Amino acid sequence: MSSEELEDALLGLGSTYRTLGEYEKSKQIFLKGMETYPDNKAIQTFYAMTLYNLKEHSKAMEILLNCLTETTKDPAILSYRKAIDFYSNQLDRLWK
Protein backbone atom coordinates (compact mmCIF):
# COMPACT_ATOMS: atom_id res chain seq x y z
CA MET A 1 0.00 0.00 0.00
CA SER A 2 1.39 3.40 -0.94
CA SER A 3 1.73 6.22 1.57
CA GLU A 4 -1.16 8.07 -0.07
CA GLU A 5 -3.35 4.97 0.08
CA LEU A 6 -2.50 4.46 3.75
CA GLU A 7 -3.33 8.10 4.47
CA ASP A 8 -6.74 7.71 2.82
CA ALA A 9 -7.33 4.35 4.52
CA LEU A 10 -6.64 5.76 7.99
CA LEU A 11 -9.03 8.64 7.38
CA GLY A 12 -11.71 6.32 6.02
CA LEU A 13 -11.37 3.77 8.81
CA GLY A 14 -11.38 6.40 11.54
CA SER A 15 -14.43 8.05 10.02
CA THR A 16 -16.24 4.72 9.68
CA TYR A 17 -15.58 3.85 13.33
CA ARG A 18 -16.93 7.28 14.32
CA THR A 19 -20.15 6.87 12.36
CA LEU A 20 -20.66 3.45 13.95
CA GLY A 21 -20.30 4.93 17.43
CA GLU A 22 -16.91 3.27 17.99
CA TYR A 23 -15.43 6.54 19.19
CA GLU A 24 -12.40 5.17 21.06
CA LYS A 25 -11.38 3.06 18.06
CA SER A 26 -11.87 6.10 15.85
CA LYS A 27 -9.74 8.21 18.17
CA GLN A 28 -6.89 5.69 18.11
CA ILE A 29 -6.94 5.48 14.30
CA PHE A 30 -6.89 9.26 13.95
CA LEU A 31 -4.05 9.58 16.50
CA LYS A 32 -2.03 7.14 14.39
CA GLY A 33 -2.98 9.10 11.27
CA MET A 34 -1.89 12.41 12.79
CA GLU A 35 1.38 10.89 14.00
CA THR A 36 2.11 9.50 10.53
CA TYR A 37 0.72 12.46 8.55
CA PRO A 38 1.02 15.52 10.84
CA ASP A 39 0.19 17.99 8.06
CA ASN A 40 -3.06 16.31 7.00
CA LYS A 41 -5.77 18.78 8.04
CA ALA A 42 -8.57 16.43 6.93
CA ILE A 43 -7.44 13.80 9.44
CA GLN A 44 -7.26 16.49 12.12
CA THR A 45 -10.76 17.69 11.25
CA PHE A 46 -12.26 14.22 11.43
CA TYR A 47 -10.38 13.64 14.69
CA ALA A 48 -12.03 16.78 16.08
CA MET A 49 -15.44 15.34 15.15
CA THR A 50 -14.57 12.20 17.11
CA LEU A 51 -13.50 14.30 20.09
CA TYR A 52 -16.84 16.08 19.92
CA ASN A 53 -18.60 12.71 20.09
CA LEU A 54 -16.43 11.83 23.10
CA LYS A 55 -17.58 15.05 24.80
CA GLU A 56 -14.08 16.53 24.51
CA HIS A 57 -15.55 19.74 23.16
CA SER A 58 -12.75 22.13 24.15
CA LYS A 59 -10.03 20.08 22.46
CA ALA A 60 -12.24 19.57 19.39
CA MET A 61 -12.76 23.33 19.06
CA GLU A 62 -9.05 24.02 19.55
CA ILE A 63 -8.14 21.67 16.72
CA LEU A 64 -10.82 23.05 14.39
CA LEU A 65 -9.86 26.66 15.09
CA ASN A 66 -6.20 25.86 14.44
CA CYS A 67 -7.09 24.08 11.19
CA LEU A 68 -9.15 27.10 10.18
CA THR A 69 -6.45 29.68 10.83
CA GLU A 70 -3.76 27.54 9.18
CA THR A 71 -5.72 26.93 5.96
CA THR A 72 -8.02 29.88 5.35
CA LYS A 73 -7.47 32.57 2.77
CA ASP A 74 -10.37 34.63 4.10
CA PRO A 75 -8.99 38.10 4.89
CA ALA A 76 -11.50 38.74 7.68
CA ILE A 77 -10.49 35.57 9.52
CA LEU A 78 -6.80 36.17 8.85
CA SER A 79 -7.09 39.64 10.36
CA TYR A 80 -8.07 37.97 13.64
CA ARG A 81 -5.68 35.02 13.40
CA LYS A 82 -3.61 36.01 16.45
CA ALA A 83 -6.72 36.36 18.60
CA ILE A 84 -8.26 33.10 17.34
CA ASP A 85 -5.00 31.23 17.95
CA PHE A 86 -4.66 32.81 21.40
CA TYR A 87 -8.17 31.89 22.53
CA SER A 88 -8.35 28.49 20.81
CA ASN A 89 -7.13 26.52 23.83
CA GLN A 90 -8.81 28.63 26.51
CA LEU A 91 -12.38 29.09 25.33
CA ASP A 92 -13.78 28.39 28.79
CA ARG A 93 -11.52 30.89 30.55
CA LEU A 94 -13.19 33.97 32.00
CA TRP A 95 -11.24 37.21 31.89
CA LYS A 96 -11.94 39.13 35.07
C-alpha atoms as a PDB file:
ATOM      1  CA  MET A   1       0.000   0.000   0.000  1.00  0.00           C
ATOM      2  CA  SER A   2       1.395   3.397  -0.939  1.00  0.00           C
ATOM      3  CA  SER A   3       1.735   6.217   1.572  1.00  0.00           C
ATOM      4  CA  GLU A   4      -1.156   8.070  -0.073  1.00  0.00           C
ATOM      5  CA  GLU A   5      -3.353   4.968   0.079  1.00  0.00           C
ATOM      6  CA  LEU A   6      -2.497   4.464   3.754  1.00  0.00           C
ATOM      7  CA  GLU A   7      -3.329   8.103   4.467  1.00  0.00           C
ATOM      8  CA  ASP A   8      -6.741   7.710   2.819  1.00  0.00           C
ATOM      9  CA  ALA A   9      -7.326   4.348   4.517  1.00  0.00           C
ATOM     10  CA  LEU A  10      -6.639   5.765   7.986  1.00  0.00           C
ATOM     11  CA  LEU A  11      -9.032   8.645   7.381  1.00  0.00           C
ATOM     12  CA  GLY A  12     -11.708   6.320   6.017  1.00  0.00           C
ATOM     13  CA  LEU A  13     -11.367   3.768   8.813  1.00  0.00           C
ATOM     14  CA  GLY A  14     -11.383   6.403  11.539  1.00  0.00           C
ATOM     15  CA  SER A  15     -14.433   8.046  10.016  1.00  0.00           C
ATOM     16  CA  THR A  16     -16.235   4.720   9.683  1.00  0.00           C
ATOM     17  CA  TYR A  17     -15.581   3.855  13.328  1.00  0.00           C
ATOM     18  CA  ARG A  18     -16.925   7.282  14.318  1.00  0.00           C
ATOM     19  CA  THR A  19     -20.151   6.869  12.363  1.00  0.00           C
ATOM     20  CA  LEU A  20     -20.659   3.447  13.949  1.00  0.00           C
ATOM     21  CA  GLY A  21     -20.296   4.927  17.429  1.00  0.00           C
ATOM     22  CA  GLU A  22     -16.914   3.266  17.992  1.00  0.00           C
ATOM     23  CA  TYR A  23     -15.426   6.540  19.191  1.00  0.00           C
ATOM     24  CA  GLU A  24     -12.399   5.168  21.064  1.00  0.00           C
ATOM     25  CA  LYS A  25     -11.383   3.060  18.055  1.00  0.00           C
ATOM     26  CA  SER A  26     -11.872   6.101  15.851  1.00  0.00           C
ATOM     27  CA  LYS A  27      -9.736   8.214  18.173  1.00  0.00           C
ATOM     28  CA  GLN A  28      -6.888   5.688  18.107  1.00  0.00           C
ATOM     29  CA  ILE A  29      -6.937   5.478  14.301  1.00  0.00           C
ATOM     30  CA  PHE A  30      -6.887   9.259  13.954  1.00  0.00           C
ATOM     31  CA  LEU A  31      -4.054   9.579  16.497  1.00  0.00           C
ATOM     32  CA  LYS A  32      -2.028   7.137  14.392  1.00  0.00           C
ATOM     33  CA  GLY A  33      -2.975   9.099  11.274  1.00  0.00           C
ATOM     34  CA  MET A  34      -1.890  12.407  12.791  1.00  0.00           C
ATOM     35  CA  GLU A  35       1.381  10.890  13.999  1.00  0.00           C
ATOM     36  CA  THR A  36       2.105   9.500  10.532  1.00  0.00           C
ATOM     37  CA  TYR A  37       0.723  12.459   8.549  1.00  0.00           C
ATOM     38  CA  PRO A  38       1.017  15.515  10.844  1.00  0.00           C
ATOM     39  CA  ASP A  39       0.187  17.990   8.064  1.00  0.00           C
ATOM     40  CA  ASN A  40      -3.063  16.311   7.001  1.00  0.00           C
ATOM     41  CA  LYS A  41      -5.768  18.775   8.037  1.00  0.00           C
ATOM     42  CA  ALA A  42      -8.567  16.427   6.934  1.00  0.00           C
ATOM     43  CA  ILE A  43      -7.441  13.796   9.438  1.00  0.00           C
ATOM     44  CA  GLN A  44      -7.257  16.491  12.119  1.00  0.00           C
ATOM     45  CA  THR A  45     -10.756  17.694  11.254  1.00  0.00           C
ATOM     46  CA  PHE A  46     -12.263  14.219  11.428  1.00  0.00           C
ATOM     47  CA  TYR A  47     -10.380  13.642  14.695  1.00  0.00           C
ATOM     48  CA  ALA A  48     -12.030  16.784  16.081  1.00  0.00           C
ATOM     49  CA  MET A  49     -15.435  15.342  15.149  1.00  0.00           C
ATOM     50  CA  THR A  50     -14.566  12.201  17.109  1.00  0.00           C
ATOM     51  CA  LEU A  51     -13.497  14.299  20.093  1.00  0.00           C
ATOM     52  CA  TYR A  52     -16.843  16.076  19.920  1.00  0.00           C
ATOM     53  CA  ASN A  53     -18.600  12.708  20.093  1.00  0.00           C
ATOM     54  CA  LEU A  54     -16.426  11.827  23.098  1.00  0.00           C
ATOM     55  CA  LYS A  55     -17.580  15.055  24.802  1.00  0.00           C
ATOM     56  CA  GLU A  56     -14.077  16.529  24.509  1.00  0.00           C
ATOM     57  CA  HIS A  57     -15.548  19.741  23.158  1.00  0.00           C
ATOM     58  CA  SER A  58     -12.752  22.132  24.146  1.00  0.00           C
ATOM     59  CA  LYS A  59     -10.034  20.078  22.459  1.00  0.00           C
ATOM     60  CA  ALA A  60     -12.240  19.574  19.392  1.00  0.00           C
ATOM     61  CA  MET A  61     -12.756  23.328  19.058  1.00  0.00           C
ATOM     62  CA  GLU A  62      -9.054  24.019  19.553  1.00  0.00           C
ATOM     63  CA  ILE A  63      -8.140  21.666  16.720  1.00  0.00           C
ATOM     64  CA  LEU A  64     -10.815  23.051  14.392  1.00  0.00           C
ATOM     65  CA  LEU A  65      -9.856  26.661  15.091  1.00  0.00           C
ATOM     66  CA  ASN A  66      -6.196  25.863  14.439  1.00  0.00           C
ATOM     67  CA  CYS A  67      -7.086  24.085  11.192  1.00  0.00           C
ATOM     68  CA  LEU A  68      -9.152  27.101  10.177  1.00  0.00           C
ATOM     69  CA  THR A  69      -6.448  29.682  10.826  1.00  0.00           C
ATOM     70  CA  GLU A  70      -3.764  27.543   9.175  1.00  0.00           C
ATOM     71  CA  THR A  71      -5.717  26.929   5.964  1.00  0.00           C
ATOM     72  CA  THR A  72      -8.019  29.884   5.348  1.00  0.00           C
ATOM     73  CA  LYS A  73      -7.469  32.572   2.770  1.00  0.00           C
ATOM     74  CA  ASP A  74     -10.374  34.630   4.099  1.00  0.00           C
ATOM     75  CA  PRO A  75      -8.986  38.099   4.888  1.00  0.00           C
ATOM     76  CA  ALA A  76     -11.504  38.736   7.677  1.00  0.00           C
ATOM     77  CA  ILE A  77     -10.486  35.567   9.517  1.00  0.00           C
ATOM     78  CA  LEU A  78      -6.798  36.171   8.850  1.00  0.00           C
ATOM     79  CA  SER A  79      -7.090  39.641  10.355  1.00  0.00           C
ATOM     80  CA  TYR A  80      -8.073  37.972  13.645  1.00  0.00           C
ATOM     81  CA  ARG A  81      -5.678  35.023  13.404  1.00  0.00           C
ATOM     82  CA  LYS A  82      -3.610  36.008  16.448  1.00  0.00           C
ATOM     83  CA  ALA A  83      -6.719  36.359  18.602  1.00  0.00           C
ATOM     84  CA  ILE A  84      -8.262  33.104  17.341  1.00  0.00           C
ATOM     85  CA  ASP A  85      -5.003  31.229  17.952  1.00  0.00           C
ATOM     86  CA  PHE A  86      -4.661  32.805  21.405  1.00  0.00           C
ATOM     87  CA  TYR A  87      -8.175  31.893  22.533  1.00  0.00           C
ATOM     88  CA  SER A  88      -8.354  28.488  20.811  1.00  0.00           C
ATOM     89  CA  ASN A  89      -7.133  26.523  23.835  1.00  0.00           C
ATOM     90  CA  GLN A  90      -8.811  28.627  26.505  1.00  0.00           C
ATOM     91  CA  LEU A  91     -12.382  29.085  25.333  1.00  0.00           C
ATOM     92  CA  ASP A  92     -13.780  28.387  28.790  1.00  0.00           C
ATOM     93  CA  ARG A  93     -11.525  30.892  30.545  1.00  0.00           C
ATOM     94  CA  LEU A  94     -13.190  33.966  32.003  1.00  0.00           C
ATOM     95  CA  TRP A  95     -11.237  37.208  31.886  1.00  0.00           C
ATOM     96  CA  LYS A  96     -11.940  39.132  35.073  1.00  0.00           C
END
